[in-house]
Amino acid sequence: MAEVGSSETERDGRAAGYGSMQRSELETLAVAAIREHRQLVAADQVVYDEWLRASDDPSISSSVLQTLQDEYLARQKRSEAQQEELSEILDALGYVPDVALESGE
């Protein structure tokens, strides 16, 4: 029998918790999570672009390149976790609410 990992148990617990929330609370939470996701994606893109620029610059040391790569990969893991949470919220809500683009997006 497969053992359930703590992250899977935690995820199932959160999903069950979202299911008990009022629709208006879920929608507010979903809108906030969508905005957070957009911000994370934009910030991740900045780090990725810097990593690409540094990769093309022969004067940049390999340790700086490694630091940029590590930062980008860490950001991707955080974004993935946030995306999973957003998905759980949207699953509980049953639809994706309209979220207007903010200035700068």
PDB file of N, CA and C in Angstrom:
ATOM      1  N   MET A   1       0.847  -1.187   0.000  1.00  0.00           N
ATOM      2  CA  MET A   1       0.000   0.000   0.000  1.00  0.00           C
ATOM      3  C   MET A   1       0.881   1.234   0.000  1.00  0.00           C
ATOM      4  N   ALA A   2       0.571   2.196  -0.831  1.00  0.00           N
ATOM      5  CA  ALA A   2       1.383   3.406  -0.937  1.00  0.00           C
ATOM      6  C   ALA A   2       1.143   4.311   0.257  1.00  0.00           C
ATOM      7  N   GLU A   3       2.224   4.924   0.704  1.00  0.00           N
ATOM      8  CA  GLU A   3       2.129   5.847   1.826  1.00  0.00           C
ATOM      9  C   GLU A   3       1.819   7.235   1.284  1.00  0.00           C
ATOM     10  N   VAL A   4       0.908   7.917   1.937  1.00  0.00           N
ATOM     11  CA  VAL A   4       0.536   9.263   1.504  1.00  0.00           C
ATOM     12  C   VAL A   4       1.542  10.245   2.068  1.00  0.00           C
ATOM     13  N   GLY A   5       2.114  11.067   1.183  1.00  0.00           N
ATOM     14  CA  GLY A   5       3.083  12.065   1.622  1.00  0.00           C
ATOM     15  C   GLY A   5       2.400  13.198   2.352  1.00  0.00           C
ATOM     16  N   SER A   6       3.170  13.913   3.166  1.00  0.00           N
ATOM     17  CA  SER A   6       2.594  14.997   3.958  1.00  0.00           C
ATOM     18  C   SER A   6       2.042  16.098   3.067  1.00  0.00           C
ATOM     19  N   SER A   7       2.694  16.362   1.919  1.00  0.00           N
ATOM     20  CA  SER A   7       2.193  17.420   1.044  1.00  0.00           C
ATOM     21  C   SER A   7       0.849  17.025   0.445  1.00  0.00           C
ATOM     22  N   GLU A   8       0.671  15.749   0.119  1.00  0.00           N
ATOM     23  CA  GLU A   8      -0.612  15.292  -0.421  1.00  0.00           C
ATOM     24  C   GLU A   8      -1.698  15.370   0.644  1.00  0.00           C
ATOM     25  N   THR A   9      -1.378  14.972   1.861  1.00  0.00           N
ATOM     26  CA  THR A   9      -2.328  15.058   2.965  1.00  0.00           C
ATOM     27  C   THR A   9      -2.688  16.510   3.229  1.00  0.00           C
ATOM     28  N   GLU A  10      -1.695  17.378   3.221  1.00  0.00           N
ATOM     29  CA  GLU A  10      -1.922  18.809   3.436  1.00  0.00           C
ATOM     30  C   GLU A  10      -2.805  19.370   2.336  1.00  0.00           C
ATOM     31  N   ARG A  11      -2.550  18.991   1.102  1.00  0.00           N
ATOM     32  CA  ARG A  11      -3.325  19.476  -0.043  1.00  0.00           C
ATOM     33  C   ARG A  11      -4.775  19.014   0.071  1.00  0.00           C
ATOM     34  N   ASP A  12      -4.981  17.752   0.433  1.00  0.00           N
ATOM     35  CA  ASP A  12      -6.341  17.235   0.581  1.00  0.00           C
ATOM     36  C   ASP A  12      -7.080  17.954   1.703  1.00  0.00           C
ATOM     37  N   GLY A  13      -6.377  18.278   2.767  1.00  0.00           N
ATOM     38  CA  GLY A  13      -6.980  19.003   3.879  1.00  0.00           C
ATOM     39  C   GLY A  13      -7.392  20.400   3.483  1.00  0.00           C
ATOM     40  N   ARG A  14      -6.525  21.080   2.730  1.00  0.00           N
ATOM     41  CA  ARG A  14      -6.855  22.423   2.251  1.00  0.00           C
ATOM     42  C   ARG A  14      -8.053  22.377   1.321  1.00  0.00           C
ATOM     43  N   ALA A  15      -8.059  21.416   0.405  1.00  0.00           N
ATOM     44  CA  ALA A  15      -9.156  21.312  -0.554  1.00  0.00           C
ATOM     45  C   ALA A  15     -10.477  21.084   0.182  1.00  0.00           C
ATOM     46  N   ALA A  16     -10.462  20.245   1.196  1.00  0.00           N
ATOM     47  CA  ALA A  16     -11.668  20.005   1.983  1.00  0.00           C
ATOM     48  C   ALA A  16     -12.089  21.288   2.690  1.00  0.00           C
ATOM     49  N   GLY A  17     -11.129  22.055   3.171  1.00  0.00           N
ATOM     50  CA  GLY A  17     -11.424  23.321   3.833  1.00  0.00           C
ATOM     51  C   GLY A  17     -12.035  24.329   2.886  1.00  0.00           C
ATOM     52  N   TYR A  18     -11.565  24.369   1.660  1.00  0.00           N
ATOM     53  CA  TYR A  18     -12.119  25.289   0.670  1.00  0.00           C
ATOM     54  C   TYR A  18     -13.566  24.921   0.366  1.00  0.00           C
ATOM     55  N   GLY A  19     -13.863  23.647   0.359  1.00  0.00           N
ATOM     56  CA  GLY A  19     -15.213  23.187   0.057  1.00  0.00           C
ATOM     57  C   GLY A  19     -16.237  23.630   1.085  1.00  0.00           C
ATOM     58  N   SER A  20     -15.794  23.942   2.293  1.00  0.00           N
ATOM     59  CA  SER A  20     -16.722  24.360   3.338  1.00  0.00           C
ATOM     60  C   SER A  20     -16.888  25.877   3.410  1.00  0.00           C
ATOM     61  N   MET A  21     -16.188  26.603   2.549  1.00  0.00           N
ATOM     62  CA  MET A  21     -16.257  28.064   2.562  1.00  0.00           C
ATOM     63  C   MET A  21     -17.450  28.561   1.755  1.00  0.00           C
ATOM     64  N   GLN A  22     -17.922  29.751   2.102  1.00  0.00           N
ATOM     65  CA  GLN A  22     -18.995  30.405   1.356  1.00  0.00           C
ATOM     66  C   GLN A  22     -18.490  30.785  -0.036  1.00  0.00           C
ATOM     67  N   ARG A  23     -19.389  30.819  -0.990  1.00  0.00           N
ATOM     68  CA  ARG A  23     -19.027  31.152  -2.371  1.00  0.00           C
ATOM     69  C   ARG A  23     -18.357  32.531  -2.451  1.00  0.00           C
ATOM     70  N   SER A  24     -18.867  33.514  -1.737  1.00  0.00           N
ATOM     71  CA  SER A  24     -18.289  34.864  -1.782  1.00  0.00           C
ATOM     72  C   SER A  24     -16.873  34.875  -1.218  1.00  0.00           C
ATOM     73  N   GLU A  25     -16.636  34.088  -0.167  1.00  0.00           N
ATOM     74  CA  GLU A  25     -15.286  33.994   0.405  1.00  0.00           C
ATOM     75  C   GLU A  25     -14.337  33.334  -0.582  1.00  0.00           C
ATOM     76  N   LEU A  26     -14.811  32.274  -1.213  1.00  0.00           N
ATOM     77  CA  LEU A  26     -13.986  31.575  -2.205  1.00  0.00           C
ATOM     78  C   LEU A  26     -13.650  32.481  -3.383  1.00  0.00           C
ATOM     79  N   GLU A  27     -14.625  33.251  -3.834  1.00  0.00           N
ATOM     80  CA  GLU A  27     -14.371  34.134  -4.969  1.00  0.00           C
ATOM     81  C   GLU A  27     -13.335  35.194  -4.596  1.00  0.00           C
ATOM     82  N   THR A  28     -13.449  35.761  -3.401  1.00  0.00           N
ATOM     83  CA  THR A  28     -12.467  36.747  -2.939  1.00  0.00           C
ATOM     84  C   THR A  28     -11.082  36.119  -2.865  1.00  0.00           C
ATOM     85  N   LEU A  29     -11.022  34.904  -2.332  1.00  0.00           N
ATOM     86  CA  LEU A  29      -9.758  34.177  -2.232  1.00  0.00           C
ATOM     87  C   LEU A  29      -9.202  33.864  -3.615  1.00  0.00           C
ATOM     88  N   ALA A  30     -10.066  33.477  -4.536  1.00  0.00           N
ATOM     89  CA  ALA A  30      -9.634  33.149  -5.902  1.00  0.00           C
ATOM     90  C   ALA A  30      -9.076  34.373  -6.599  1.00  0.00           C
ATOM     91  N   VAL A  31      -9.745  35.503  -6.466  1.00  0.00           N
ATOM     92  CA  VAL A  31      -9.272  36.735  -7.102  1.00  0.00           C
ATOM     93  C   VAL A  31      -7.893  37.109  -6.560  1.00  0.00           C
ATOM     94  N   ALA A  32      -7.731  37.026  -5.243  1.00  0.00           N
ATOM     95  CA  ALA A  32      -6.429  37.340  -4.630  1.00  0.00           C
ATOM     96  C   ALA A  32      -5.360  36.370  -5.119  1.00  0.00           C
ATOM     97  N   ALA A  33      -5.691  35.088  -5.227  1.00  0.00           N
ATOM     98  CA  ALA A  33      -4.720  34.082  -5.679  1.00  0.00           C
ATOM     99  C   ALA A  33      -4.365  34.287  -7.150  1.00  0.00           C
ATOM    100  N   ILE A  34      -5.327  34.686  -7.966  1.00  0.00           N
ATOM    101  CA  ILE A  34      -5.051  34.953  -9.381  1.00  0.00           C
ATOM    102  C   ILE A  34      -4.108  36.143  -9.502  1.00  0.00           C
ATOM    103  N   ARG A  35      -4.368  37.191  -8.741  1.00  0.00           N
ATOM    104  CA  ARG A  35      -3.491  38.368  -8.779  1.00  0.00           C
ATOM    105  C   ARG A  35      -2.082  38.005  -8.295  1.00  0.00           C
ATOM    106  N   GLU A  36      -2.015  37.214  -7.229  1.00  0.00           N
ATOM    107  CA  GLU A  36      -0.706  36.782  -6.724  1.00  0.00           C
ATOM    108  C   GLU A  36       0.026  35.971  -7.786  1.00  0.00           C
ATOM    109  N   HIS A  37      -0.703  35.092  -8.465  1.00  0.00           N
ATOM    110  CA  HIS A  37      -0.088  34.266  -9.506  1.00  0.00           C
ATOM    111  C   HIS A  37       0.464  35.133 -10.628  1.00  0.00           C
ATOM    112  N   ARG A  38      -0.290  36.129 -11.029  1.00  0.00           N
ATOM    113  CA  ARG A  38       0.180  37.034 -12.081  1.00  0.00           C
ATOM    114  C   ARG A  38       1.454  37.755 -11.648  1.00  0.00           C
ATOM    115  N   GLN A  39       1.487  38.189 -10.401  1.00  0.00           N
ATOM    116  CA  GLN A  39       2.676  38.879  -9.892  1.00  0.00           C
ATOM    117  C   GLN A  39       3.881  37.951  -9.851  1.00  0.00           C
ATOM    118  N   LEU A  40       3.664  36.708  -9.409  1.00  0.00           N
ATOM    119  CA  LEU A  40       4.758  35.742  -9.362  1.00  0.00           C
ATOM    120  C   LEU A  40       5.303  35.460 -10.757  1.00  0.00           C
ATOM    121  N   VAL A  41       4.415  35.282 -11.711  1.00  0.00           N
ATOM    122  CA  VAL A  41       4.838  35.002 -13.086  1.00  0.00           C
ATOM    123  C   VAL A  41       5.661  36.171 -13.629  1.00  0.00           C
ATOM    124  N   ALA A  42       5.196  37.389 -13.388  1.00  0.00           N
ATOM    125  CA  ALA A  42       5.929  38.566 -13.869  1.00  0.00           C
ATOM    126  C   ALA A  42       7.308  38.662 -13.218  1.00  0.00           C
ATOM    127  N   ALA A  43       7.386  38.431 -11.917  1.00  0.00           N
ATOM    128  CA  ALA A  43       8.672  38.492 -11.215  1.00  0.00           C
ATOM    129  C   ALA A  43       9.600  37.367 -11.678  1.00  0.00           C
ATOM    130  N   ASP A  44       9.032  36.195 -11.894  1.00  0.00           N
ATOM    131  CA  ASP A  44       9.828  35.071 -12.399  1.00  0.00           C
ATOM    132  C   ASP A  44      10.407  35.396 -13.771  1.00  0.00           C
ATOM    133  N   GLN A  45       9.627  36.060 -14.599  1.00  0.00           N
ATOM    134  CA  GLN A  45      10.075  36.404 -15.940  1.00  0.00           C
ATOM    135  C   GLN A  45      11.262  37.364 -15.880  1.00  0.00           C
ATOM    136  N   VAL A  46      11.239  38.300 -14.940  1.00  0.00           N
ATOM    137  CA  VAL A  46      12.346  39.245 -14.780  1.00  0.00           C
ATOM    138  C   VAL A  46      13.639  38.493 -14.443  1.00  0.00           C
ATOM    139  N   VAL A  47      13.540  37.553 -13.512  1.00  0.00           N
ATOM    140  CA  VAL A  47      14.726  36.769 -13.130  1.00  0.00           C
ATOM    141  C   VAL A  47      15.196  35.919 -14.307  1.00  0.00           C
ATOM    142  N   TYR A  48      14.257  35.315 -15.021  1.00  0.00           N
ATOM    143  CA  TYR A  48      14.615  34.500 -16.181  1.00  0.00           C
ATOM    144  C   TYR A  48      15.315  35.339 -17.253  1.00  0.00           C
ATOM    145  N   ASP A  49      14.763  36.510 -17.531  1.00  0.00           N
ATOM    146  CA  ASP A  49      15.378  37.392 -18.536  1.00  0.00           C
ATOM    147  C   ASP A  49      16.790  37.798 -18.118  1.00  0.00           C
ATOM    148  N   GLU A  50      16.970  38.088 -16.851  1.00  0.00           N
ATOM    149  CA  GLU A  50      18.304  38.457 -16.350  1.00  0.00           C
ATOM    150  C   GLU A  50      19.265  37.279 -16.492  1.00  0.00           C
ATOM    151  N   TRP A  51      18.791  36.085 -16.195  1.00  0.00           N
ATOM    152  CA  TRP A  51      19.603  34.875 -16.339  1.00  0.00           C
ATOM    153  C   TRP A  51      20.013  34.696 -17.806  1.00  0.00           C
ATOM    154  N   LEU A  52      19.065  34.892 -18.726  1.00  0.00           N
ATOM    155  CA  LEU A  52      19.393  34.771 -20.150  1.00  0.00           C
ATOM    156  C   LEU A  52      20.419  35.821 -20.584  1.00  0.00           C
ATOM    157  N   ARG A  53      20.206  37.066 -20.140  1.00  0.00           N
ATOM    158  CA  ARG A  53      21.162  38.135 -20.496  1.00  0.00           C
ATOM    159  C   ARG A  53      22.551  37.803 -19.945  1.00  0.00           C
ATOM    160  N   ALA A  54      22.599  37.350 -18.712  1.00  0.00           N
ATOM    161  CA  ALA A  54      23.885  37.019 -18.092  1.00  0.00           C
ATOM    162  C   ALA A  54      24.548  35.845 -18.806  1.00  0.00           C
ATOM    163  N   SER A  55      23.750  34.900 -19.284  1.00  0.00           N
ATOM    164  CA  SER A  55      24.297  33.738 -20.006  1.00  0.00           C
ATOM    165  C   SER A  55      24.983  34.144 -21.296  1.00  0.00           C
ATOM    166  N   ASP A  56      24.522  35.236 -21.892  1.00  0.00           N
ATOM    167  CA  ASP A  56      25.103  35.725 -23.147  1.00  0.00           C
ATOM    168  C   ASP A  56      26.292  36.655 -22.934  1.00  0.00           C
ATOM    169  N   ASP A  57      26.566  36.990 -21.686  1.00  0.00           N
ATOM    170  CA  ASP A  57      27.647  37.932 -21.365  1.00  0.00           C
ATOM    171  C   ASP A  57      28.858  37.157 -20.851  1.00  0.00           C
ATOM    172  N   PRO A  58      29.929  37.096 -21.651  1.00  0.00           N
ATOM    173  CA  PRO A  58      31.104  36.314 -21.242  1.00  0.00           C
ATOM    174  C   PRO A  58      31.810  36.877 -20.001  1.00  0.00           C
ATOM    175  N   SER A  59      31.513  38.116 -19.642  1.00  0.00           N
ATOM    176  CA  SER A  59      32.176  38.695 -18.466  1.00  0.00           C
ATOM    177  C   SER A  59      31.501  38.285 -17.148  1.00  0.00           C
ATOM    178  N   ILE A  60      30.332  37.634 -17.237  1.00  0.00           N
ATOM    179  CA  ILE A  60      29.613  37.202 -16.028  1.00  0.00           C
ATOM    180  C   ILE A  60      30.201  35.867 -15.567  1.00  0.00           C
ATOM    181  N   SER A  61      30.520  35.808 -14.282  1.00  0.00           N
ATOM    182  CA  SER A  61      31.143  34.591 -13.737  1.00  0.00           C
ATOM    183  C   SER A  61      30.142  33.449 -13.654  1.00  0.00           C
ATOM    184  N   SER A  62      30.680  32.254 -13.646  1.00  0.00           N
ATOM    185  CA  SER A  62      29.823  31.070 -13.562  1.00  0.00           C
ATOM    186  C   SER A  62      29.074  31.020 -12.226  1.00  0.00           C
ATOM    187  N   SER A  63      29.647  31.567 -11.168  1.00  0.00           N
ATOM    188  CA  SER A  63      28.952  31.563  -9.876  1.00  0.00           C
ATOM    189  C   SER A  63      27.728  32.487  -9.909  1.00  0.00           C
ATOM    190  N   VAL A  64      27.829  33.602 -10.621  1.00  0.00           N
ATOM    191  CA  VAL A  64      26.680  34.502 -10.761  1.00  0.00           C
ATOM    192  C   VAL A  64      25.601  33.809 -11.598  1.00  0.00           C
ATOM    193  N   LEU A  65      26.007  33.164 -12.670  1.00  0.00           N
ATOM    194  CA  LEU A  65      25.048  32.427 -13.501  1.00  0.00           C
ATOM    195  C   LEU A  65      24.351  31.340 -12.690  1.00  0.00           C
ATOM    196  N   GLN A  66      25.120  30.636 -11.877  1.00  0.00           N
ATOM    197  CA  GLN A  66      24.542  29.570 -11.052  1.00  0.00           C
ATOM    198  C   GLN A  66      23.551  30.152 -10.043  1.00  0.00           C
ATOM    199  N   THR A  67      23.885  31.294  -9.467  1.00  0.00           N
ATOM    200  CA  THR A  67      22.988  31.946  -8.512  1.00  0.00           C
ATOM    201  C   THR A  67      21.683  32.346  -9.187  1.00  0.00           C
ATOM    202  N   LEU A  68      21.772  32.913 -10.382  1.00  0.00           N
ATOM    203  CA  LEU A  68      20.566  33.291 -11.127  1.00  0.00           C
ATOM    204  C   LEU A  68      19.734  32.059 -11.487  1.00  0.00           C
ATOM    205  N   GLN A  69      20.398  31.003 -11.906  1.00  0.00           N
ATOM    206  CA  GLN A  69      19.683  29.770 -12.237  1.00  0.00           C
ATOM    207  C   GLN A  69      18.998  29.209 -11.003  1.00  0.00           C
ATOM    208  N   ASP A  70      19.710  29.165  -9.885  1.00  0.00           N
ATOM    209  CA  ASP A  70      19.131  28.648  -8.643  1.00  0.00           C
ATOM    210  C   ASP A  70      17.926  29.478  -8.203  1.00  0.00           C
ATOM    211  N   GLU A  71      18.043  30.794  -8.327  1.00  0.00           N
ATOM    212  CA  GLU A  71      16.939  31.679  -7.968  1.00  0.00           C
ATOM    213  C   GLU A  71      15.730  31.422  -8.858  1.00  0.00           C
ATOM    214  N   TYR A  72      15.964  31.284 -10.140  1.00  0.00           N
ATOM    215  CA  TYR A  72      14.859  31.027 -11.064  1.00  0.00           C
ATOM    216  C   TYR A  72      14.182  29.693 -10.747  1.00  0.00           C
ATOM    217  N   LEU A  73      14.954  28.664 -10.521  1.00  0.00           N
ATOM    218  CA  LEU A  73      14.382  27.347 -10.220  1.00  0.00           C
ATOM    219  C   LEU A  73      13.608  27.358  -8.904  1.00  0.00           C
ATOM    220  N   ALA A  74      14.126  28.067  -7.902  1.00  0.00           N
ATOM    221  CA  ALA A  74      13.415  28.183  -6.618  1.00  0.00           C
ATOM    222  C   ALA A  74      12.092  28.923  -6.827  1.00  0.00           C
ATOM    223  N   ARG A  75      12.117  29.956  -7.642  1.00  0.00           N
ATOM    224  CA  ARG A  75      10.887  30.707  -7.938  1.00  0.00           C
ATOM    225  C   ARG A  75       9.882  29.820  -8.670  1.00  0.00           C
ATOM    226  N   GLN A  76      10.352  28.974  -9.548  1.00  0.00           N
ATOM    227  CA  GLN A  76       9.452  28.074 -10.260  1.00  0.00           C
ATOM    228  C   GLN A  76       8.761  27.104  -9.303  1.00  0.00           C
ATOM    229  N   LYS A  77       9.496  26.624  -8.313  1.00  0.00           N
ATOM    230  CA  LYS A  77       8.893  25.731  -7.316  1.00  0.00           C
ATOM    231  C   LYS A  77       7.830  26.463  -6.512  1.00  0.00           C
ATOM    232  N   ARG A  78       8.123  27.712  -6.108  1.00  0.00           N
ATOM    233  CA  ARG A  78       7.128  28.490  -5.358  1.00  0.00           C
ATOM    234  C   ARG A  78       5.906  28.764  -6.234  1.00  0.00           C
ATOM    235  N   SER A  79       6.127  29.077  -7.485  1.00  0.00           N
ATOM    236  CA  SER A  79       5.011  29.337  -8.402  1.00  0.00           C
ATOM    237  C   SER A  79       4.165  28.084  -8.600  1.00  0.00           C
ATOM    238  N   GLU A  80       4.825  26.946  -8.688  1.00  0.00           N
ATOM    239  CA  GLU A  80       4.098  25.686  -8.856  1.00  0.00           C
ATOM    240  C   GLU A  80       3.208  25.413  -7.645  1.00  0.00           C
ATOM    241  N   ALA A  81       3.740  25.628  -6.452  1.00  0.00           N
ATOM    242  CA  ALA A  81       2.949  25.416  -5.232  1.00  0.00           C
ATOM    243  C   ALA A  81       1.767  26.381  -5.178  1.00  0.00           C
ATOM    244  N   GLN A  82       2.002  27.624  -5.559  1.00  0.00           N
ATOM    245  CA  GLN A  82       0.933  28.617  -5.548  1.00  0.00           C
ATOM    246  C   GLN A  82      -0.112  28.266  -6.599  1.00  0.00           C
ATOM    247  N   GLN A  83       0.317  27.773  -7.755  1.00  0.00           N
ATOM    248  CA  GLN A  83      -0.611  27.368  -8.815  1.00  0.00           C
ATOM    249  C   GLN A  83      -1.480  26.204  -8.345  1.00  0.00           C
ATOM    250  N   GLU A  84      -0.903  25.269  -7.614  1.00  0.00           N
ATOM    251  CA  GLU A  84      -1.682  24.145  -7.092  1.00  0.00           C
ATOM    252  C   GLU A  84      -2.754  24.643  -6.133  1.00  0.00           C
ATOM    253  N   GLU A  85      -2.379  25.580  -5.266  1.00  0.00           N
ATOM    254  CA  GLU A  85      -3.353  26.131  -4.333  1.00  0.00           C
ATOM    255  C   GLU A  85      -4.448  26.875  -5.090  1.00  0.00           C
ATOM    256  N   LEU A  86      -4.079  27.668  -6.073  1.00  0.00           N
ATOM    257  CA  LEU A  86      -5.062  28.385  -6.887  1.00  0.00           C
ATOM    258  C   LEU A  86      -6.010  27.392  -7.552  1.00  0.00           C
ATOM    259  N   SER A  87      -5.488  26.313  -8.077  1.00  0.00           N
ATOM    260  CA  SER A  87      -6.300  25.299  -8.725  1.00  0.00           C
ATOM    261  C   SER A  87      -7.315  24.697  -7.744  1.00  0.00           C
ATOM    262  N   GLU A  88      -6.884  24.437  -6.524  1.00  0.00           N
ATOM    263  CA  GLU A  88      -7.785  23.893  -5.509  1.00  0.00           C
ATOM    264  C   GLU A  88      -8.902  24.877  -5.177  1.00  0.00           C
ATOM    265  N   ILE A  89      -8.554  26.152  -5.092  1.00  0.00           N
ATOM    266  CA  ILE A  89      -9.557  27.185  -4.815  1.00  0.00           C
ATOM    267  C   ILE A  89     -10.567  27.238  -5.956  1.00  0.00           C
ATOM    268  N   LEU A  90     -10.057  27.244  -7.191  1.00  0.00           N
ATOM    269  CA  LEU A  90     -10.948  27.311  -8.351  1.00  0.00           C
ATOM    270  C   LEU A  90     -11.813  26.063  -8.468  1.00  0.00           C
ATOM    271  N   ASP A  91     -11.255  24.905  -8.135  1.00  0.00           N
ATOM    272  CA  ASP A  91     -12.049  23.674  -8.147  1.00  0.00           C
ATOM    273  C   ASP A  91     -13.205  23.774  -7.155  1.00  0.00           C
ATOM    274  N   ALA A  92     -12.919  24.289  -5.970  1.00  0.00           N
ATOM    275  CA  ALA A  92     -13.962  24.428  -4.955  1.00  0.00           C
ATOM    276  C   ALA A  92     -14.993  25.472  -5.374  1.00  0.00           C
ATOM    277  N   LEU A  93     -14.544  26.552  -6.017  1.00  0.00           N
ATOM    278  CA  LEU A  93     -15.441  27.614  -6.460  1.00  0.00           C
ATOM    279  C   LEU A  93     -16.290  27.149  -7.640  1.00  0.00           C
ATOM    280  N   GLY A  94     -15.687  26.390  -8.549  1.00  0.00           N
ATOM    281  CA  GLY A  94     -16.428  25.850  -9.680  1.00  0.00           C
ATOM    282  C   GLY A  94     -16.331  26.678 -10.952  1.00  0.00           C
ATOM    283  N   TYR A  95     -15.641  27.794 -10.889  1.00  0.00           N
ATOM    284  CA  TYR A  95     -15.451  28.621 -12.078  1.00  0.00           C
ATOM    285  C   TYR A  95     -14.278  29.563 -11.832  1.00  0.00           C
ATOM    286  N   VAL A  96     -13.801  30.178 -12.909  1.00  0.00           N
ATOM    287  CA  VAL A  96     -12.717  31.152 -12.808  1.00  0.00           C
ATOM    288  C   VAL A  96     -13.340  32.542 -12.865  1.00  0.00           C
ATOM    289  N   PRO A  97     -13.213  33.301 -11.781  1.00  0.00           N
ATOM    290  CA  PRO A  97     -13.803  34.649 -11.795  1.00  0.00           C
ATOM    291  C   PRO A  97     -13.033  35.571 -12.722  1.00  0.00           C
ATOM    292  N   ASP A  98     -13.737  36.551 -13.267  1.00  0.00           N
ATOM    293  CA  ASP A  98     -13.087  37.580 -14.085  1.00  0.00           C
ATOM    294  C   ASP A  98     -12.241  38.447 -13.166  1.00  0.00           C
ATOM    295  N   VAL A  99     -11.004  38.648 -13.546  1.00  0.00           N
ATOM    296  CA  VAL A  99     -10.104  39.508 -12.781  1.00  0.00           C
ATOM    297  C   VAL A  99      -9.469  40.480 -13.770  1.00  0.00           C
ATOM    298  N   ALA A 100      -9.842  41.741 -13.618  1.00  0.00           N
ATOM    299  CA  ALA A 100      -9.324  42.756 -14.533  1.00  0.00           C
ATOM    300  C   ALA A 100      -7.813  42.877 -14.384  1.00  0.00           C
ATOM    301  N   LEU A 101      -7.158  43.173 -15.483  1.00  0.00           N
ATOM    302  CA  LEU A 101      -5.733  43.416 -15.439  1.00  0.00           C
ATOM    303  C   LEU A 101      -5.484  44.719 -14.710  1.00  0.00           C
ATOM    304  N   GLU A 102      -4.471  44.703 -13.861  1.00  0.00           N
ATOM    305  CA  GLU A 102      -4.099  45.918 -13.152  1.00  0.00           C
ATOM    306  C   GLU A 102      -3.101  46.683 -14.014  1.00  0.00           C
ATOM    307  N   SER A 103      -2.939  47.954 -13.752  1.00  0.00           N
ATOM    308  CA  SER A 103      -1.975  48.726 -14.538  1.00  0.00           C
ATOM    309  C   SER A 103      -0.598  48.099 -14.368  1.00  0.00           C
ATOM    310  N   GLY A 104       0.121  47.985 -15.481  1.00  0.00           N
ATOM    311  CA  GLY A 104       1.438  47.366 -15.461  1.00  0.00           C
ATOM    312  C   GLY A 104       1.414  45.894 -15.787  1.00  0.00           C
ATOM    313  N   GLU A 105       0.228  45.287 -15.925  1.00  0.00           N
ATOM    314  CA  GLU A 105       0.143  43.869 -16.263  1.00  0.00           C
ATOM    315  C   GLU A 105      -0.023  43.708 -17.746  1.00  0.00           C
TER     316      GLU A 105
END
